[in-house]
Protein backbone atom coordinates (compact mmCIF):
# COMPACT_ATOMS: atom_id res chain seq x y z
CA MET A 1 27.44 -6.63 -2.31
CA GLN A 2 25.76 -9.69 -3.93
CA ALA A 3 27.43 -12.07 -1.68
CA VAL A 4 26.03 -10.19 1.55
CA ALA A 5 22.63 -10.12 0.13
CA HIS A 6 22.67 -13.84 -0.64
CA LEU A 7 24.18 -14.45 3.05
CA ALA A 8 21.49 -12.25 4.44
CA TRP A 9 18.97 -14.08 2.25
CA GLY A 10 20.13 -17.40 3.59
CA PHE A 11 20.01 -16.29 6.99
CA TRP A 12 16.47 -15.25 6.77
CA TYR A 13 15.21 -18.32 4.75
CA ASP A 14 17.24 -21.24 5.96
CA GLY A 15 18.24 -20.19 9.42
CA LEU A 16 16.96 -18.53 12.69
CA VAL A 17 14.83 -15.62 11.40
CA ILE A 18 12.24 -17.83 9.81
CA HIS A 19 12.38 -20.80 12.43
CA SER A 20 11.87 -17.94 15.20
CA LEU A 21 8.55 -16.45 13.54
CA GLY A 22 6.91 -19.56 14.62
CA VAL A 23 7.49 -18.85 18.47
CA ILE A 24 7.39 -15.26 18.18
CA SER A 25 3.94 -15.20 16.50
CA ILE A 26 2.42 -17.52 18.98
CA VAL A 27 3.91 -15.60 22.24
CA LEU A 28 2.79 -12.53 20.60
CA SER A 29 -0.85 -13.94 19.94
CA TRP A 30 -0.86 -14.96 23.60
CA LEU A 31 0.11 -11.76 24.74
CA ALA A 32 -2.26 -10.10 22.59
CA VAL A 33 -5.56 -12.09 23.63
CA GLY A 34 -4.29 -12.09 27.22
CA TYR A 35 -4.42 -8.22 26.82
CA LEU A 36 -7.68 -8.06 24.92
CA LEU A 37 -9.38 -10.06 27.51
CA ARG A 38 -8.15 -8.22 30.53
CA LYS A 39 -8.70 -4.62 28.92
CA TRP A 40 -12.07 -5.58 27.74
CA ARG A 41 -13.53 -7.62 30.10
CA GLY A 42 -16.78 -9.72 29.45
CA THR A 43 -17.72 -13.11 30.66
CA LYS A 44 -16.73 -16.45 30.11
CA ALA A 45 -19.79 -17.61 27.86
CA MET A 46 -18.21 -14.88 25.33
CA SER A 47 -15.83 -15.60 22.72
CA MET A 48 -12.61 -13.86 21.91
CA SER A 49 -14.60 -12.45 18.87
CA LEU A 50 -17.35 -11.16 21.27
CA HIS A 51 -14.77 -9.50 23.60
CA ALA A 52 -13.30 -7.81 20.41
CA ALA A 53 -16.81 -6.57 18.93
CA SER A 54 -17.19 -4.95 22.33
CA ASP A 55 -15.51 -1.66 21.53
CA LEU A 56 -13.87 0.01 18.32
CA ARG A 57 -10.67 0.06 19.99
CA ALA A 58 -10.82 -3.53 20.98
CA TYR A 59 -11.97 -4.56 17.37
CA LEU A 60 -8.97 -2.47 15.77
CA PHE A 61 -6.26 -3.86 18.53
CA PHE A 62 -7.87 -7.63 17.78
CA GLY A 63 -7.76 -7.12 13.54
CA VAL A 64 -4.18 -5.73 13.86
CA SER A 65 -2.82 -8.45 16.07
CA LEU A 66 -4.29 -11.30 14.49
CA THR A 67 -3.35 -10.05 11.01
CA LEU A 68 0.46 -9.64 12.12
CA THR A 69 0.76 -12.72 14.15
CA GLY A 70 -1.27 -14.66 11.37
CA ALA A 71 1.02 -13.56 8.62
CA MET A 72 4.22 -14.35 10.74
CA LEU A 73 2.68 -17.69 11.39
CA TYR A 74 1.83 -18.13 7.78
CA ALA A 75 5.55 -17.45 6.52
CA PHE A 76 6.66 -19.89 9.28
CA MET A 77 4.41 -22.47 8.45
CA LEU A 78 4.84 -22.13 4.41
CA VAL A 79 8.79 -21.52 4.46
CA TRP A 80 10.10 -23.73 7.34
CA PHE A 81 7.60 -25.90 9.04
CA ILE A 82 5.70 -27.54 6.00
CA PRO A 83 9.11 -28.17 3.66
CA ARG A 84 10.67 -29.31 7.04
CA TYR A 85 8.31 -32.05 8.04
CA SER A 86 7.25 -32.69 4.50
CA LEU A 87 3.47 -32.43 5.23
CA GLY A 88 2.36 -31.89 1.63
CA VAL A 89 -0.36 -30.32 -0.14
CA VAL A 90 -3.35 -31.35 2.09
CA PHE A 91 -1.71 -29.72 4.98
CA THR A 92 -0.67 -26.59 2.83
CA GLY A 93 -4.34 -26.35 1.69
CA LEU A 94 -5.82 -26.58 5.36
CA ILE A 95 -2.94 -23.94 6.61
CA CYS A 96 -4.03 -21.66 3.75
CA ALA A 97 -7.63 -21.98 4.74
CA ALA A 98 -7.25 -21.57 8.52
CA ILE A 99 -5.28 -18.07 7.74
CA LEU A 100 -7.84 -16.88 5.63
CA GLY A 101 -10.73 -17.75 8.11
CA GLN A 102 -8.29 -16.07 10.62
CA MET A 103 -8.12 -12.81 8.70
CA ILE A 104 -11.75 -12.48 7.91
CA ALA A 105 -12.90 -13.35 11.48
CA ALA A 106 -10.32 -10.45 12.43
CA TRP A 107 -11.84 -7.92 10.22
CA VAL A 108 -15.49 -8.84 9.90
CA PRO A 109 -16.79 -8.24 13.83
CA ASP A 110 -19.07 -10.66 15.32
CA VAL A 111 -21.99 -8.31 15.46
CA PRO A 112 -25.82 -9.00 14.52
CA GLY A 113 -26.67 -9.52 10.93
CA ILE A 114 -24.75 -10.64 7.89
CA LYS A 115 -21.49 -9.80 9.68
CA ARG A 116 -21.81 -12.18 12.34
CA ILE A 117 -22.79 -15.02 9.69
CA ILE A 118 -19.52 -14.32 7.85
CA HIS A 119 -17.49 -14.02 10.90
CA ARG A 120 -18.78 -17.15 12.50
CA VAL A 121 -18.46 -19.18 9.08
CA ALA A 122 -14.81 -18.03 9.05
CA ALA A 123 -13.99 -18.42 12.65
CA TYR A 124 -15.61 -21.96 12.80
CA GLY A 125 -14.29 -22.91 9.43
CA MET A 126 -10.77 -21.86 11.05
CA ALA A 127 -11.30 -24.07 14.10
CA ALA A 128 -12.54 -26.73 11.77
CA THR A 129 -8.70 -27.11 10.05
CA PHE A 130 -7.07 -27.44 13.22
CA ILE A 131 -8.61 -31.20 13.65
CA PRO A 132 -7.31 -32.63 10.18
CA MET A 133 -3.90 -30.55 10.45
CA THR A 134 -3.57 -32.05 14.07
CA LEU A 135 -4.13 -35.69 12.66
CA VAL A 136 -1.76 -34.75 9.49
CA ILE A 137 1.00 -33.71 11.93
CA VAL A 138 0.48 -36.61 14.47
CA SER A 139 0.50 -39.20 11.88
CA SER A 140 3.71 -37.75 10.18
CA GLY A 141 6.98 -39.85 10.80
CA HIS A 142 9.08 -36.76 10.56
CA ILE A 143 7.56 -35.18 13.51
CA PRO A 144 9.38 -35.83 17.07
CA MET A 145 7.45 -38.24 19.09
CA ALA A 146 6.82 -35.78 22.02
CA ALA A 147 5.19 -33.69 19.66
CA ARG A 148 3.06 -36.46 18.47
CA VAL A 149 2.00 -37.06 22.11
CA VAL A 150 1.37 -33.17 22.44
CA GLY A 151 -0.90 -33.60 19.41
CA SER A 152 -2.78 -36.56 20.39
CA LEU A 153 -3.69 -35.07 23.69
CA ALA A 154 -4.66 -32.08 21.87
CA LEU A 155 -6.79 -33.63 19.14
CA GLY A 156 -8.40 -35.65 22.11
CA TYR A 157 -9.36 -32.34 23.53
CA MET A 158 -10.61 -30.75 20.50
CA ILE A 159 -12.99 -33.62 19.74
CA VAL A 160 -14.32 -33.58 23.39
CA SER A 161 -14.72 -29.78 23.55
CA LEU A 162 -16.60 -29.56 20.32
CA SER A 163 -18.58 -32.46 21.41
CA LEU A 164 -19.74 -30.72 24.79
CA LEU A 165 -20.24 -27.55 22.68
CA ALA A 166 -22.21 -29.09 20.15
CA PHE A 167 -24.51 -30.77 22.49
CA GLY A 168 -25.00 -27.56 24.52
CA LYS A 169 -22.99 -28.30 27.40
CA LEU A 170 -20.52 -25.75 29.06
CA LYS A 171 -21.49 -22.75 26.70
CA ALA A 172 -21.32 -20.96 29.84
CA HIS A 173 -17.32 -21.55 29.78
CA TYR A 174 -17.17 -21.25 26.05
CA LEU A 175 -14.27 -18.67 26.33
CA ILE A 176 -12.11 -21.22 28.28
CA LEU A 177 -12.88 -24.00 25.94
CA GLN A 178 -12.13 -21.75 22.87
CA VAL A 179 -8.84 -20.33 24.19
CA LEU A 180 -7.42 -23.89 25.28
CA TYR A 181 -8.79 -25.18 21.97
CA VAL A 182 -6.44 -22.73 19.93
CA LEU A 183 -3.56 -23.12 22.83
CA LEU A 184 -3.36 -26.70 22.25
CA PHE A 185 -2.83 -26.35 18.82
CA GLN A 186 -0.20 -24.10 19.10
CA LEU A 187 1.54 -26.25 21.75
CA LEU A 188 1.64 -29.00 19.27
CA LEU A 189 3.19 -26.44 16.61
CA LEU A 190 5.68 -25.39 19.16
CA SER A 191 6.51 -28.96 20.33
CA ALA A 192 7.09 -30.02 16.74
CA ALA A 193 9.31 -27.20 15.82
CA TYR A 194 11.35 -26.75 19.06
CA LEU A 195 11.48 -29.98 20.80
């Protein structure tokens, strides 16, 4: 019995299951955001969070889906991705901060008042961690070259999109900029882990 338990843990920890959590969590997050944006329509100027805050069911769906996919991605990152590519304590701290920001942003809705301030600090804080995490990944000699190219393109987009928003440009297309920002970071993770 102990041998079976050891074998099962090895399969989970070293094998297919933990490695698969990355792609599963990312694809599920894409499906969840797609459903959220289709079911609870808003404008292109609204963030994903404003779409979620538009209805109690949307808020609950957003919170549950971000919590589940975030937990899966967090496990994948801590158990497989970070050790596999020797990304170190700085990257680990950044991913912990990003997941914490995601959990706060998921459950504190973007509604007027103190909740909006808390939500936006958490959400923008999470988004801000993507740039240094991308830099760490791109500069790692352990990451495949194709993923480093994807990361370089993602980094360029992140800097340009944040600059445009900071200067008040393209706010009417905020949703598109936000979705692409997250999508490109996720594509970097997928290309690093699966190419």
